N, C-alpha and C. Protein backbone atom coordinates (compact mmCIF):
# COMPACT_ATOMS: atom_id res chain seq x y z
N UNK A 1 84.73 -57.24 84.60
CA UNK A 1 84.68 -56.42 83.42
C UNK A 1 83.97 -57.20 82.33
N UNK A 2 83.12 -56.52 81.62
CA UNK A 2 82.46 -57.17 80.50
C UNK A 2 83.29 -56.93 79.25
N UNK A 3 83.18 -57.87 78.31
CA UNK A 3 83.95 -57.70 77.08
C UNK A 3 83.47 -56.50 76.29
N UNK A 4 82.22 -56.09 76.48
CA UNK A 4 81.71 -54.92 75.76
C UNK A 4 82.42 -53.65 76.22
N UNK A 5 83.00 -53.67 77.41
CA UNK A 5 83.68 -52.49 77.94
C UNK A 5 85.02 -52.25 77.26
N UNK A 6 85.54 -53.25 76.57
CA UNK A 6 86.83 -53.12 75.89
C UNK A 6 86.63 -53.00 74.39
N UNK A 7 87.47 -52.21 73.72
CA UNK A 7 87.38 -52.19 72.26
C UNK A 7 87.88 -53.53 71.71
N UNK A 8 87.56 -53.80 70.46
CA UNK A 8 88.06 -55.02 69.84
C UNK A 8 89.56 -54.95 69.66
N UNK A 9 90.20 -56.11 69.67
CA UNK A 9 91.65 -56.17 69.54
C UNK A 9 92.10 -55.63 68.18
N UNK A 10 91.21 -55.65 67.19
CA UNK A 10 91.54 -55.13 65.86
C UNK A 10 90.95 -53.75 65.61
N UNK A 11 90.48 -53.11 66.66
CA UNK A 11 89.98 -51.74 66.55
C UNK A 11 91.12 -50.85 66.05
N UNK A 12 90.84 -49.94 65.11
CA UNK A 12 91.92 -49.09 64.58
C UNK A 12 92.70 -48.33 65.66
N UNK A 13 92.02 -47.88 66.70
CA UNK A 13 92.72 -47.17 67.78
C UNK A 13 93.68 -48.09 68.52
N UNK A 14 93.29 -49.36 68.69
CA UNK A 14 94.15 -50.33 69.37
C UNK A 14 95.35 -50.66 68.48
N UNK A 15 95.11 -50.81 67.20
CA UNK A 15 96.21 -51.09 66.29
C UNK A 15 97.19 -49.92 66.25
N UNK A 16 96.68 -48.70 66.25
CA UNK A 16 97.53 -47.51 66.22
C UNK A 16 98.39 -47.41 67.46
N UNK A 17 97.81 -47.69 68.63
CA UNK A 17 98.54 -47.60 69.90
C UNK A 17 98.02 -48.68 70.84
N UNK A 18 98.58 -49.89 70.77
CA UNK A 18 98.05 -51.01 71.55
C UNK A 18 98.40 -50.98 73.03
N UNK A 19 99.35 -50.17 73.44
CA UNK A 19 99.84 -50.23 74.82
C UNK A 19 98.78 -49.93 75.87
N UNK A 20 97.93 -48.93 75.71
CA UNK A 20 96.88 -48.71 76.73
C UNK A 20 95.89 -49.88 76.81
N UNK A 21 95.57 -50.47 75.67
CA UNK A 21 94.66 -51.62 75.64
C UNK A 21 95.25 -52.79 76.44
N UNK A 22 96.50 -53.13 76.16
CA UNK A 22 97.12 -54.25 76.87
C UNK A 22 97.37 -53.95 78.34
N UNK A 23 97.67 -52.70 78.67
CA UNK A 23 97.82 -52.32 80.08
C UNK A 23 96.49 -52.51 80.82
N UNK A 24 95.41 -52.11 80.17
CA UNK A 24 94.09 -52.29 80.79
C UNK A 24 93.76 -53.76 80.94
N UNK A 25 94.07 -54.57 79.93
CA UNK A 25 93.85 -56.01 80.04
C UNK A 25 94.61 -56.58 81.24
N UNK A 26 95.87 -56.21 81.37
CA UNK A 26 96.66 -56.75 82.50
C UNK A 26 96.02 -56.38 83.83
N UNK A 27 95.47 -55.18 83.93
CA UNK A 27 94.85 -54.73 85.18
C UNK A 27 93.49 -55.38 85.43
N UNK A 28 92.66 -55.44 84.39
CA UNK A 28 91.24 -55.75 84.59
C UNK A 28 90.81 -57.13 84.08
N UNK A 29 91.49 -57.67 83.10
CA UNK A 29 91.08 -58.95 82.51
C UNK A 29 92.30 -59.66 81.95
N UNK A 30 93.19 -60.15 82.82
CA UNK A 30 94.46 -60.71 82.35
C UNK A 30 94.32 -61.90 81.39
N UNK A 31 93.21 -62.62 81.48
CA UNK A 31 92.89 -63.66 80.50
C UNK A 31 91.53 -63.27 79.95
N UNK A 32 91.51 -62.86 78.70
CA UNK A 32 90.32 -62.26 78.10
C UNK A 32 89.88 -63.05 76.89
N UNK A 33 88.62 -63.43 76.84
CA UNK A 33 88.09 -64.11 75.66
C UNK A 33 87.79 -63.07 74.60
N UNK A 34 88.43 -63.20 73.45
CA UNK A 34 88.22 -62.27 72.35
C UNK A 34 86.81 -62.51 71.81
N UNK A 35 85.94 -61.51 71.88
CA UNK A 35 84.54 -61.70 71.49
C UNK A 35 84.38 -62.31 70.10
N UNK A 36 83.49 -63.30 70.04
CA UNK A 36 83.15 -63.92 68.77
C UNK A 36 84.15 -64.91 68.24
N UNK A 37 85.23 -65.20 68.99
CA UNK A 37 86.25 -66.10 68.46
C UNK A 37 86.42 -67.37 69.27
N UNK A 38 86.10 -67.33 70.54
CA UNK A 38 86.39 -68.46 71.42
C UNK A 38 87.86 -68.53 71.80
N UNK A 39 88.66 -67.61 71.26
CA UNK A 39 90.09 -67.56 71.59
C UNK A 39 90.29 -66.68 72.82
N UNK A 40 91.34 -66.97 73.55
CA UNK A 40 91.66 -66.18 74.74
C UNK A 40 93.00 -65.50 74.55
N UNK A 41 93.05 -64.26 75.00
CA UNK A 41 94.27 -63.47 74.95
C UNK A 41 94.82 -63.43 76.38
N UNK A 42 96.06 -63.85 76.54
CA UNK A 42 96.72 -63.84 77.85
C UNK A 42 97.68 -62.66 77.84
N UNK A 43 97.51 -61.74 78.79
CA UNK A 43 98.17 -60.45 78.66
C UNK A 43 99.38 -60.23 79.56
N UNK A 44 99.85 -61.25 80.25
CA UNK A 44 101.07 -61.06 81.04
C UNK A 44 102.01 -62.25 80.83
N UNK A 45 103.30 -61.95 80.92
CA UNK A 45 104.29 -63.02 80.75
C UNK A 45 104.14 -64.09 81.81
N UNK A 46 103.81 -63.70 83.03
CA UNK A 46 103.66 -64.67 84.11
C UNK A 46 102.54 -65.66 83.80
N UNK A 47 101.43 -65.17 83.29
CA UNK A 47 100.32 -66.06 82.95
C UNK A 47 100.61 -66.91 81.73
N UNK A 48 101.33 -66.34 80.76
CA UNK A 48 101.74 -67.12 79.59
C UNK A 48 102.65 -68.26 80.04
N UNK A 49 103.62 -67.96 80.90
CA UNK A 49 104.54 -68.99 81.41
C UNK A 49 103.76 -70.06 82.15
N UNK A 50 102.79 -69.66 82.95
CA UNK A 50 101.97 -70.62 83.69
C UNK A 50 101.21 -71.52 82.71
N UNK A 51 100.61 -70.93 81.69
CA UNK A 51 99.87 -71.72 80.70
C UNK A 51 100.78 -72.68 79.96
N UNK A 52 102.00 -72.24 79.64
CA UNK A 52 102.94 -73.13 78.95
C UNK A 52 103.36 -74.30 79.83
N UNK A 53 103.45 -74.06 81.12
CA UNK A 53 103.81 -75.14 82.05
C UNK A 53 102.66 -76.11 82.25
N UNK A 54 101.44 -75.69 81.96
CA UNK A 54 100.26 -76.54 82.19
C UNK A 54 99.48 -76.75 80.89
N UNK A 55 100.19 -77.01 79.81
CA UNK A 55 99.54 -77.14 78.51
C UNK A 55 98.43 -78.18 78.50
N UNK A 56 98.62 -79.26 79.24
CA UNK A 56 97.60 -80.32 79.27
C UNK A 56 96.25 -79.81 79.79
N UNK A 57 96.28 -78.75 80.59
CA UNK A 57 95.03 -78.17 81.09
C UNK A 57 94.28 -77.41 80.00
N UNK A 58 94.99 -77.04 78.93
CA UNK A 58 94.39 -76.20 77.91
C UNK A 58 94.25 -76.90 76.56
N UNK A 59 94.90 -78.02 76.38
CA UNK A 59 94.79 -78.73 75.11
C UNK A 59 93.36 -79.19 74.89
N UNK A 60 92.95 -79.15 73.64
CA UNK A 60 91.60 -79.60 73.32
C UNK A 60 90.53 -78.58 73.66
N UNK A 61 90.93 -77.35 73.90
CA UNK A 61 89.95 -76.32 74.26
C UNK A 61 89.74 -75.31 73.15
N UNK A 62 90.37 -75.51 72.00
CA UNK A 62 90.27 -74.54 70.91
C UNK A 62 89.01 -74.71 70.09
N UNK A 63 88.77 -73.77 69.18
CA UNK A 63 87.56 -73.81 68.36
C UNK A 63 87.39 -75.10 67.57
N UNK A 64 88.47 -75.69 67.10
CA UNK A 64 88.36 -76.92 66.31
C UNK A 64 87.85 -78.09 67.15
N UNK A 65 87.96 -77.99 68.47
CA UNK A 65 87.54 -79.07 69.34
C UNK A 65 86.11 -78.91 69.85
N UNK A 66 85.45 -77.83 69.45
CA UNK A 66 84.08 -77.60 69.88
C UNK A 66 83.11 -78.30 68.94
N UNK A 67 81.94 -78.64 69.43
CA UNK A 67 80.91 -79.14 68.51
C UNK A 67 80.63 -78.10 67.44
N UNK A 68 80.28 -78.53 66.25
CA UNK A 68 80.09 -77.61 65.12
C UNK A 68 79.08 -76.52 65.44
N UNK A 69 78.07 -76.83 66.24
CA UNK A 69 77.06 -75.82 66.53
C UNK A 69 77.54 -74.74 67.50
N UNK A 70 78.72 -74.90 68.11
CA UNK A 70 79.26 -73.90 69.03
C UNK A 70 80.43 -73.12 68.44
N UNK A 71 80.85 -73.44 67.23
CA UNK A 71 81.97 -72.72 66.60
C UNK A 71 81.51 -71.36 66.13
N UNK A 72 82.38 -70.36 66.25
CA UNK A 72 82.04 -69.03 65.73
C UNK A 72 81.77 -69.10 64.24
N UNK A 73 80.81 -68.34 63.80
CA UNK A 73 80.48 -68.31 62.37
C UNK A 73 81.34 -67.27 61.67
N UNK A 74 81.81 -67.61 60.47
CA UNK A 74 82.63 -66.64 59.74
C UNK A 74 81.80 -65.88 58.74
């Protein structure tokens, strides 16, 4: 699935009723990079629990740890 196929997480329709958006994420893109942010949304409890158990695999991967030329522009 391409990120263009999904509405933005802050899309008014998603804010009004987020359940279809998150259900689709769980089915099609359980770990989804939020476009333009470098942040990832994890959409199931099982994957969140897995990530919490393996924090060392994910530490240092946030926007503040990227070279300045790769950080999203505000």
